[in-house]
Amino acid sequence: ETRAKRVLDDAKAGVKKYEDLAKKALLAGNEGDAR
């Protein structure tokens, strides 16, 4: 259960990370990077 929770937290963190990066790329005018 602990390992599964850690994998889940990592997956959530990864989704948030790339969502934040996509936003930053758009704000910087880099739509290709955002994609």
All heavy atoms as atom14 arrays in JSON, in Angstrom:
{
  "sequence": "ETRAKRVLDDAKAGVKKYEDLAKKALLAGNEGDAR",
  "atom14_mask": [
    [1, 1, 1, 1, 1, 1, 1, 1, 1, 0, 0, 0, 0, 0],
    [1, 1, 1, 1, 1, 1, 1, 0, 0, 0, 0, 0, 0, 0],
    [1, 1, 1, 1, 1, 1, 1, 1, 1, 1, 1, 0, 0, 0],
    [1, 1, 1, 1, 1, 0, 0, 0, 0, 0, 0, 0, 0, 0],
    [1, 1, 1, 1, 1, 1, 1, 1, 1, 0, 0, 0, 0, 0],
    [1, 1, 1, 1, 1, 1, 1, 1, 1, 1, 1, 0, 0, 0],
    [1, 1, 1, 1, 1, 1, 1, 0, 0, 0, 0, 0, 0, 0],
    [1, 1, 1, 1, 1, 1, 1, 1, 0, 0, 0, 0, 0, 0],
    [1, 1, 1, 1, 1, 1, 1, 1, 0, 0, 0, 0, 0, 0],
    [1, 1, 1, 1, 1, 1, 1, 1, 0, 0, 0, 0, 0, 0],
    [1, 1, 1, 1, 1, 0, 0, 0, 0, 0, 0, 0, 0, 0],
    [1, 1, 1, 1, 1, 1, 1, 1, 1, 0, 0, 0, 0, 0],
    [1, 1, 1, 1, 1, 0, 0, 0, 0, 0, 0, 0, 0, 0],
    [1, 1, 1, 1, 0, 0, 0, 0, 0, 0, 0, 0, 0, 0],
    [1, 1, 1, 1, 1, 1, 1, 0, 0, 0, 0, 0, 0, 0],
    [1, 1, 1, 1, 1, 1, 1, 1, 1, 0, 0, 0, 0, 0],
    [1, 1, 1, 1, 1, 1, 1, 1, 1, 0, 0, 0, 0, 0],
    [1, 1, 1, 1, 1, 1, 1, 1, 1, 1, 1, 1, 0, 0],
    [1, 1, 1, 1, 1, 1, 1, 1, 1, 0, 0, 0, 0, 0],
    [1, 1, 1, 1, 1, 1, 1, 1, 0, 0, 0, 0, 0, 0],
    [1, 1, 1, 1, 1, 1, 1, 1, 0, 0, 0, 0, 0, 0],
    [1, 1, 1, 1, 1, 0, 0, 0, 0, 0, 0, 0, 0, 0],
    [1, 1, 1, 1, 1, 1, 1, 1, 1, 0, 0, 0, 0, 0],
    [1, 1, 1, 1, 1, 1, 1, 1, 1, 0, 0, 0, 0, 0],
    [1, 1, 1, 1, 1, 0, 0, 0, 0, 0, 0, 0, 0, 0],
    [1, 1, 1, 1, 1, 1, 1, 1, 0, 0, 0, 0, 0, 0],
    [1, 1, 1, 1, 1, 1, 1, 1, 0, 0, 0, 0, 0, 0],
    [1, 1, 1, 1, 1, 0, 0, 0, 0, 0, 0, 0, 0, 0],
    [1, 1, 1, 1, 0, 0, 0, 0, 0, 0, 0, 0, 0, 0],
    [1, 1, 1, 1, 1, 1, 1, 1, 0, 0, 0, 0, 0, 0],
    [1, 1, 1, 1, 1, 1, 1, 1, 1, 0, 0, 0, 0, 0],
    [1, 1, 1, 1, 0, 0, 0, 0, 0, 0, 0, 0, 0, 0],
    [1, 1, 1, 1, 1, 1, 1, 1, 0, 0, 0, 0, 0, 0],
    [1, 1, 1, 1, 1, 0, 0, 0, 0, 0, 0, 0, 0, 0],
    [1, 1, 1, 1, 1, 1, 1, 1, 1, 1, 1, 0, 0, 0]
  ],
  "atom14_positions": [
    [[0.84, -1.2, 0.0], [0.0, 0.0, 0.0], [0.88, 1.25, 0.0], [0.59, 2.23, -0.71], [-0.91, 0.0, 1.23], [-1.83, 1.2, 1.31], [-2.6, 1.26, 2.62], [-2.11, 0.7, 3.62], [-3.68, 1.89, 2.65], [0.0, 0.0, 0.0], [0.0, 0.0, 0.0], [0.0, 0.0, 0.0], [0.0, 0.0, 0.0], [0.0, 0.0, 0.0]],
    [[1.94, 1.23, 0.78], [2.85, 2.38, 0.84], [3.53, 2.62, -0.5], [3.63, 3.77, -0.97], [3.92, 2.14, 1.93], [3.26, 1.98, 3.2], [4.87, 3.32, 2.0], [0.0, 0.0, 0.0], [0.0, 0.0, 0.0], [0.0, 0.0, 0.0], [0.0, 0.0, 0.0], [0.0, 0.0, 0.0], [0.0, 0.0, 0.0], [0.0, 0.0, 0.0]],
    [[3.96, 1.53, -1.13], [4.6, 1.67, -2.45], [3.61, 2.19, -3.48], [3.94, 3.06, -4.3], [5.17, 0.32, -2.9], [6.44, -0.09, -2.18], [7.14, -1.24, -2.87], [6.31, -2.45, -2.87], [6.33, -3.37, -1.9], [7.11, -3.21, -0.84], [5.57, -4.44, -1.98], [0.0, 0.0, 0.0], [0.0, 0.0, 0.0], [0.0, 0.0, 0.0]],
    [[2.38, 1.65, -3.44], [1.36, 2.1, -4.38], [1.04, 3.58, -4.18], [0.82, 4.32, -5.15], [0.09, 1.26, -4.22], [0.0, 0.0, 0.0], [0.0, 0.0, 0.0], [0.0, 0.0, 0.0], [0.0, 0.0, 0.0], [0.0, 0.0, 0.0], [0.0, 0.0, 0.0], [0.0, 0.0, 0.0], [0.0, 0.0, 0.0], [0.0, 0.0, 0.0]],
    [[1.03, 3.99, -2.89], [0.78, 5.41, -2.6], [1.92, 6.28, -3.13], [1.69, 7.37, -3.68], [0.65, 5.58, -1.09], [0.38, 7.03, -0.65], [-0.96, 7.53, -1.14], [-1.4, 8.79, -0.43], [-0.46, 9.91, -0.58], [0.0, 0.0, 0.0], [0.0, 0.0, 0.0], [0.0, 0.0, 0.0], [0.0, 0.0, 0.0], [0.0, 0.0, 0.0]],
    [[3.14, 5.79, -3.01], [4.28, 6.54, -3.51], [4.23, 6.68, -5.04], [4.5, 7.74, -5.6], [5.58, 5.87, -3.08], [6.83, 6.69, -3.42], [8.05, 6.19, -2.69], [8.29, 4.76, -2.88], [8.16, 3.84, -1.91], [7.77, 4.21, -0.71], [8.39, 2.59, -2.16], [0.0, 0.0, 0.0], [0.0, 0.0, 0.0], [0.0, 0.0, 0.0]],
    [[3.88, 5.59, -5.73], [3.75, 5.63, -7.19], [2.65, 6.6, -7.6], [2.79, 7.38, -8.56], [3.46, 4.22, -7.74], [3.09, 4.28, -9.23], [4.66, 3.3, -7.54], [0.0, 0.0, 0.0], [0.0, 0.0, 0.0], [0.0, 0.0, 0.0], [0.0, 0.0, 0.0], [0.0, 0.0, 0.0], [0.0, 0.0, 0.0], [0.0, 0.0, 0.0]],
    [[1.53, 6.57, -6.85], [0.43, 7.46, -7.13], [0.84, 8.92, -6.94], [0.54, 9.78, -7.79], [-0.76, 7.14, -6.23], [-1.99, 8.05, -6.34], [-2.57, 8.0, -7.75], [-3.05, 7.65, -5.31], [0.0, 0.0, 0.0], [0.0, 0.0, 0.0], [0.0, 0.0, 0.0], [0.0, 0.0, 0.0], [0.0, 0.0, 0.0], [0.0, 0.0, 0.0]],
    [[1.54, 9.2, -5.84], [1.99, 10.56, -5.58], [2.97, 11.03, -6.66], [2.93, 12.2, -7.09], [2.66, 10.64, -4.2], [1.65, 10.49, -3.07], [0.45, 10.67, -3.32], [2.08, 10.18, -1.93], [0.0, 0.0, 0.0], [0.0, 0.0, 0.0], [0.0, 0.0, 0.0], [0.0, 0.0, 0.0], [0.0, 0.0, 0.0], [0.0, 0.0, 0.0]],
    [[3.85, 10.13, -7.09], [4.8, 10.48, -8.15], [4.07, 10.78, -9.46], [4.43, 11.74, -10.18], [5.8, 9.34, -8.38], [6.78, 9.2, -7.21], [6.87, 10.14, -6.4], [7.43, 8.14, -7.11], [0.0, 0.0, 0.0], [0.0, 0.0, 0.0], [0.0, 0.0, 0.0], [0.0, 0.0, 0.0], [0.0, 0.0, 0.0], [0.0, 0.0, 0.0]],
    [[3.03, 9.98, -9.73], [2.27, 10.19, -10.97], [1.54, 11.53, -10.91], [1.52, 12.29, -11.89], [1.28, 9.05, -11.17], [0.0, 0.0, 0.0], [0.0, 0.0, 0.0], [0.0, 0.0, 0.0], [0.0, 0.0, 0.0], [0.0, 0.0, 0.0], [0.0, 0.0, 0.0], [0.0, 0.0, 0.0], [0.0, 0.0, 0.0], [0.0, 0.0, 0.0]],
    [[0.96, 11.85, -9.76], [0.27, 13.13, -9.61], [1.27, 14.3, -9.75], [0.97, 15.31, -10.41], [-0.4, 13.21, -8.24], [-1.63, 12.32, -8.11], [-2.23, 12.47, -6.71], [-3.5, 11.64, -6.58], [-4.1, 11.76, -5.22], [0.0, 0.0, 0.0], [0.0, 0.0, 0.0], [0.0, 0.0, 0.0], [0.0, 0.0, 0.0], [0.0, 0.0, 0.0]],
    [[2.42, 14.11, -9.12], [3.43, 15.16, -9.19], [3.91, 15.36, -10.64], [4.14, 16.5, -11.09], [4.6, 14.81, -8.28], [0.0, 0.0, 0.0], [0.0, 0.0, 0.0], [0.0, 0.0, 0.0], [0.0, 0.0, 0.0], [0.0, 0.0, 0.0], [0.0, 0.0, 0.0], [0.0, 0.0, 0.0], [0.0, 0.0, 0.0], [0.0, 0.0, 0.0]],
    [[4.06, 14.24, -11.38], [4.5, 14.33, -12.77], [3.48, 15.04, -13.64], [3.83, 15.88, -14.49], [0.0, 0.0, 0.0], [0.0, 0.0, 0.0], [0.0, 0.0, 0.0], [0.0, 0.0, 0.0], [0.0, 0.0, 0.0], [0.0, 0.0, 0.0], [0.0, 0.0, 0.0], [0.0, 0.0, 0.0], [0.0, 0.0, 0.0], [0.0, 0.0, 0.0]],
    [[2.19, 14.73, -13.44], [1.13, 15.38, -14.21], [1.15, 16.88, -13.94], [1.08, 17.71, -14.86], [-0.25, 14.78, -13.87], [-1.37, 15.64, -14.45], [-0.34, 13.35, -14.38], [0.0, 0.0, 0.0], [0.0, 0.0, 0.0], [0.0, 0.0, 0.0], [0.0, 0.0, 0.0], [0.0, 0.0, 0.0], [0.0, 0.0, 0.0], [0.0, 0.0, 0.0]],
    [[1.25, 17.23, -12.66], [1.27, 18.66, -12.29], [2.52, 19.35, -12.85], [2.47, 20.5, -13.34], [1.22, 18.8, -10.77], [1.07, 20.25, -10.32], [0.94, 20.34, -8.82], [0.69, 21.79, -8.39], [1.63, 22.77, -8.9], [0.0, 0.0, 0.0], [0.0, 0.0, 0.0], [0.0, 0.0, 0.0], [0.0, 0.0, 0.0], [0.0, 0.0, 0.0]],
    [[3.63, 18.63, -12.8], [4.88, 19.21, -13.28], [4.79, 19.6, -14.76], [5.13, 20.73, -15.15], [6.01, 18.21, -13.07], [7.34, 18.61, -13.72], [8.36, 17.49, -13.57], [9.64, 17.82, -14.32], [10.63, 16.72, -14.23], [0.0, 0.0, 0.0], [0.0, 0.0, 0.0], [0.0, 0.0, 0.0], [0.0, 0.0, 0.0], [0.0, 0.0, 0.0]],
    [[4.31, 18.65, -15.59], [4.27, 18.94, -17.02], [3.13, 19.89, -17.38], [3.2, 20.62, -18.37], [4.19, 17.64, -17.82], [5.53, 16.93, -17.84], [5.77, 15.85, -17.01], [6.56, 17.38, -18.66], [7.0, 15.21, -17.0], [7.8, 16.76, -18.66], [8.01, 15.68, -17.82], [9.25, 15.08, -17.81], [0.0, 0.0, 0.0], [0.0, 0.0, 0.0]],
    [[2.1, 19.93, -16.56], [1.05, 20.92, -16.77], [1.61, 22.32, -16.5], [1.36, 23.27, -17.28], [-0.14, 20.64, -15.85], [-1.3, 21.61, -16.08], [-2.51, 21.31, -15.19], [-2.46, 20.3, -14.44], [-3.48, 22.06, -15.24], [0.0, 0.0, 0.0], [0.0, 0.0, 0.0], [0.0, 0.0, 0.0], [0.0, 0.0, 0.0], [0.0, 0.0, 0.0]],
    [[2.39, 22.44, -15.43], [3.01, 23.74, -15.11], [4.01, 24.15, -16.2], [4.09, 25.33, -16.59], [3.71, 23.66, -13.75], [2.72, 23.56, -12.59], [1.54, 23.87, -12.79], [3.15, 23.14, -11.48], [0.0, 0.0, 0.0], [0.0, 0.0, 0.0], [0.0, 0.0, 0.0], [0.0, 0.0, 0.0], [0.0, 0.0, 0.0], [0.0, 0.0, 0.0]],
    [[4.77, 23.19, -16.7], [5.74, 23.5, -17.76], [5.05, 23.95, -19.04], [5.53, 24.87, -19.74], [6.63, 22.27, -18.03], [7.66, 21.93, -16.95], [8.35, 20.62, -17.27], [8.69, 23.06, -16.81], [0.0, 0.0, 0.0], [0.0, 0.0, 0.0], [0.0, 0.0, 0.0], [0.0, 0.0, 0.0], [0.0, 0.0, 0.0], [0.0, 0.0, 0.0]],
    [[3.92, 23.3, -19.35], [3.17, 23.66, -20.56], [2.66, 25.1, -20.43], [2.69, 25.88, -21.39], [2.02, 22.7, -20.78], [0.0, 0.0, 0.0], [0.0, 0.0, 0.0], [0.0, 0.0, 0.0], [0.0, 0.0, 0.0], [0.0, 0.0, 0.0], [0.0, 0.0, 0.0], [0.0, 0.0, 0.0], [0.0, 0.0, 0.0], [0.0, 0.0, 0.0]],
    [[2.2, 25.45, -19.24], [1.72, 26.82, -19.0], [2.88, 27.83, -19.16], [2.71, 28.88, -19.77], [1.14, 26.93, -17.6], [-0.18, 26.19, -17.43], [-0.68, 26.32, -15.99], [-2.0, 25.59, -15.79], [-2.48, 25.7, -14.41], [0.0, 0.0, 0.0], [0.0, 0.0, 0.0], [0.0, 0.0, 0.0], [0.0, 0.0, 0.0], [0.0, 0.0, 0.0]],
    [[4.0, 27.49, -18.61], [5.15, 28.39, -18.71], [5.6, 28.55, -20.17], [5.98, 29.66, -20.61], [6.32, 27.87, -17.87], [6.1, 27.99, -16.37], [7.29, 27.43, -15.6], [7.08, 27.56, -14.1], [8.23, 27.03, -13.33], [0.0, 0.0, 0.0], [0.0, 0.0, 0.0], [0.0, 0.0, 0.0], [0.0, 0.0, 0.0], [0.0, 0.0, 0.0]],
    [[5.55, 27.44, -20.92], [5.96, 27.5, -22.33], [5.01, 28.39, -23.12], [5.43, 29.18, -23.98], [6.0, 26.1, -22.93], [0.0, 0.0, 0.0], [0.0, 0.0, 0.0], [0.0, 0.0, 0.0], [0.0, 0.0, 0.0], [0.0, 0.0, 0.0], [0.0, 0.0, 0.0], [0.0, 0.0, 0.0], [0.0, 0.0, 0.0], [0.0, 0.0, 0.0]],
    [[3.71, 28.28, -22.83], [2.72, 29.13, -23.51], [2.94, 30.59, -23.15], [2.84, 31.48, -24.01], [1.31, 28.69, -23.15], [0.81, 27.37, -23.78], [-0.55, 26.99, -23.22], [0.74, 27.5, -25.31], [0.0, 0.0, 0.0], [0.0, 0.0, 0.0], [0.0, 0.0, 0.0], [0.0, 0.0, 0.0], [0.0, 0.0, 0.0], [0.0, 0.0, 0.0]],
    [[3.19, 30.85, -21.86], [3.42, 32.23, -21.43], [4.69, 32.81, -22.08], [4.78, 34.02, -22.32], [3.54, 32.3, -19.9], [2.24, 32.04, -19.12], [2.53, 31.97, -17.64], [1.22, 33.13, -19.43], [0.0, 0.0, 0.0], [0.0, 0.0, 0.0], [0.0, 0.0, 0.0], [0.0, 0.0, 0.0], [0.0, 0.0, 0.0], [0.0, 0.0, 0.0]],
    [[5.62, 31.91, -22.38], [6.86, 32.36, -23.02], [6.72, 32.43, -24.54], [7.67, 32.8, -25.24], [8.01, 31.43, -22.64], [0.0, 0.0, 0.0], [0.0, 0.0, 0.0], [0.0, 0.0, 0.0], [0.0, 0.0, 0.0], [0.0, 0.0, 0.0], [0.0, 0.0, 0.0], [0.0, 0.0, 0.0], [0.0, 0.0, 0.0], [0.0, 0.0, 0.0]],
    [[5.53, 32.05, -25.04], [5.29, 32.08, -26.47], [5.85, 30.9, -27.21], [5.95, 30.92, -28.44], [0.0, 0.0, 0.0], [0.0, 0.0, 0.0], [0.0, 0.0, 0.0], [0.0, 0.0, 0.0], [0.0, 0.0, 0.0], [0.0, 0.0, 0.0], [0.0, 0.0, 0.0], [0.0, 0.0, 0.0], [0.0, 0.0, 0.0], [0.0, 0.0, 0.0]],
    [[6.18, 29.82, -26.5], [6.72, 28.61, -27.12], [5.62, 27.53, -27.17], [5.57, 26.62, -26.35], [7.94, 28.09, -26.36], [9.08, 29.07, -26.38], [9.33, 29.7, -27.41], [9.77, 29.21, -25.26], [0.0, 0.0, 0.0], [0.0, 0.0, 0.0], [0.0, 0.0, 0.0], [0.0, 0.0, 0.0], [0.0, 0.0, 0.0], [0.0, 0.0, 0.0]],
    [[4.74, 27.63, -28.11], [3.62, 26.68, -28.25], [4.12, 25.28, -28.56], [3.54, 24.28, -28.1], [2.69, 27.16, -29.36], [1.43, 26.33, -29.45], [0.42, 26.9, -30.44], [0.4, 28.13, -30.64], [-0.36, 26.09, -30.97], [0.0, 0.0, 0.0], [0.0, 0.0, 0.0], [0.0, 0.0, 0.0], [0.0, 0.0, 0.0], [0.0, 0.0, 0.0]],
    [[5.2, 25.17, -29.35], [5.75, 23.84, -29.67], [6.2, 23.12, -28.42], [5.94, 21.91, -28.24], [0.0, 0.0, 0.0], [0.0, 0.0, 0.0], [0.0, 0.0, 0.0], [0.0, 0.0, 0.0], [0.0, 0.0, 0.0], [0.0, 0.0, 0.0], [0.0, 0.0, 0.0], [0.0, 0.0, 0.0], [0.0, 0.0, 0.0], [0.0, 0.0, 0.0]],
    [[6.91, 23.88, -27.56], [7.35, 23.26, -26.29], [6.14, 22.89, -25.42], [6.13, 21.84, -24.77], [8.24, 24.24, -25.52], [9.58, 24.47, -26.21], [9.93, 23.65, -27.09], [10.26, 25.44, -25.87], [0.0, 0.0, 0.0], [0.0, 0.0, 0.0], [0.0, 0.0, 0.0], [0.0, 0.0, 0.0], [0.0, 0.0, 0.0], [0.0, 0.0, 0.0]],
    [[5.13, 23.74, -25.48], [3.92, 23.46, -24.7], [3.27, 22.16, -25.16], [2.77, 21.37, -24.35], [2.95, 24.61, -24.82], [0.0, 0.0, 0.0], [0.0, 0.0, 0.0], [0.0, 0.0, 0.0], [0.0, 0.0, 0.0], [0.0, 0.0, 0.0], [0.0, 0.0, 0.0], [0.0, 0.0, 0.0], [0.0, 0.0, 0.0], [0.0, 0.0, 0.0]],
    [[3.26, 21.92, -26.47], [2.68, 20.68, -26.99], [3.45, 19.45, -26.47], [2.85, 18.43, -26.12], [2.73, 20.69, -28.51], [1.72, 21.63, -29.15], [1.83, 21.6, -30.68], [0.85, 22.46, -31.29], [-0.42, 22.07, -31.56], [-0.81, 20.86, -31.24], [-1.25, 22.93, -32.14], [0.0, 0.0, 0.0], [0.0, 0.0, 0.0], [0.0, 0.0, 0.0]]
  ]
}
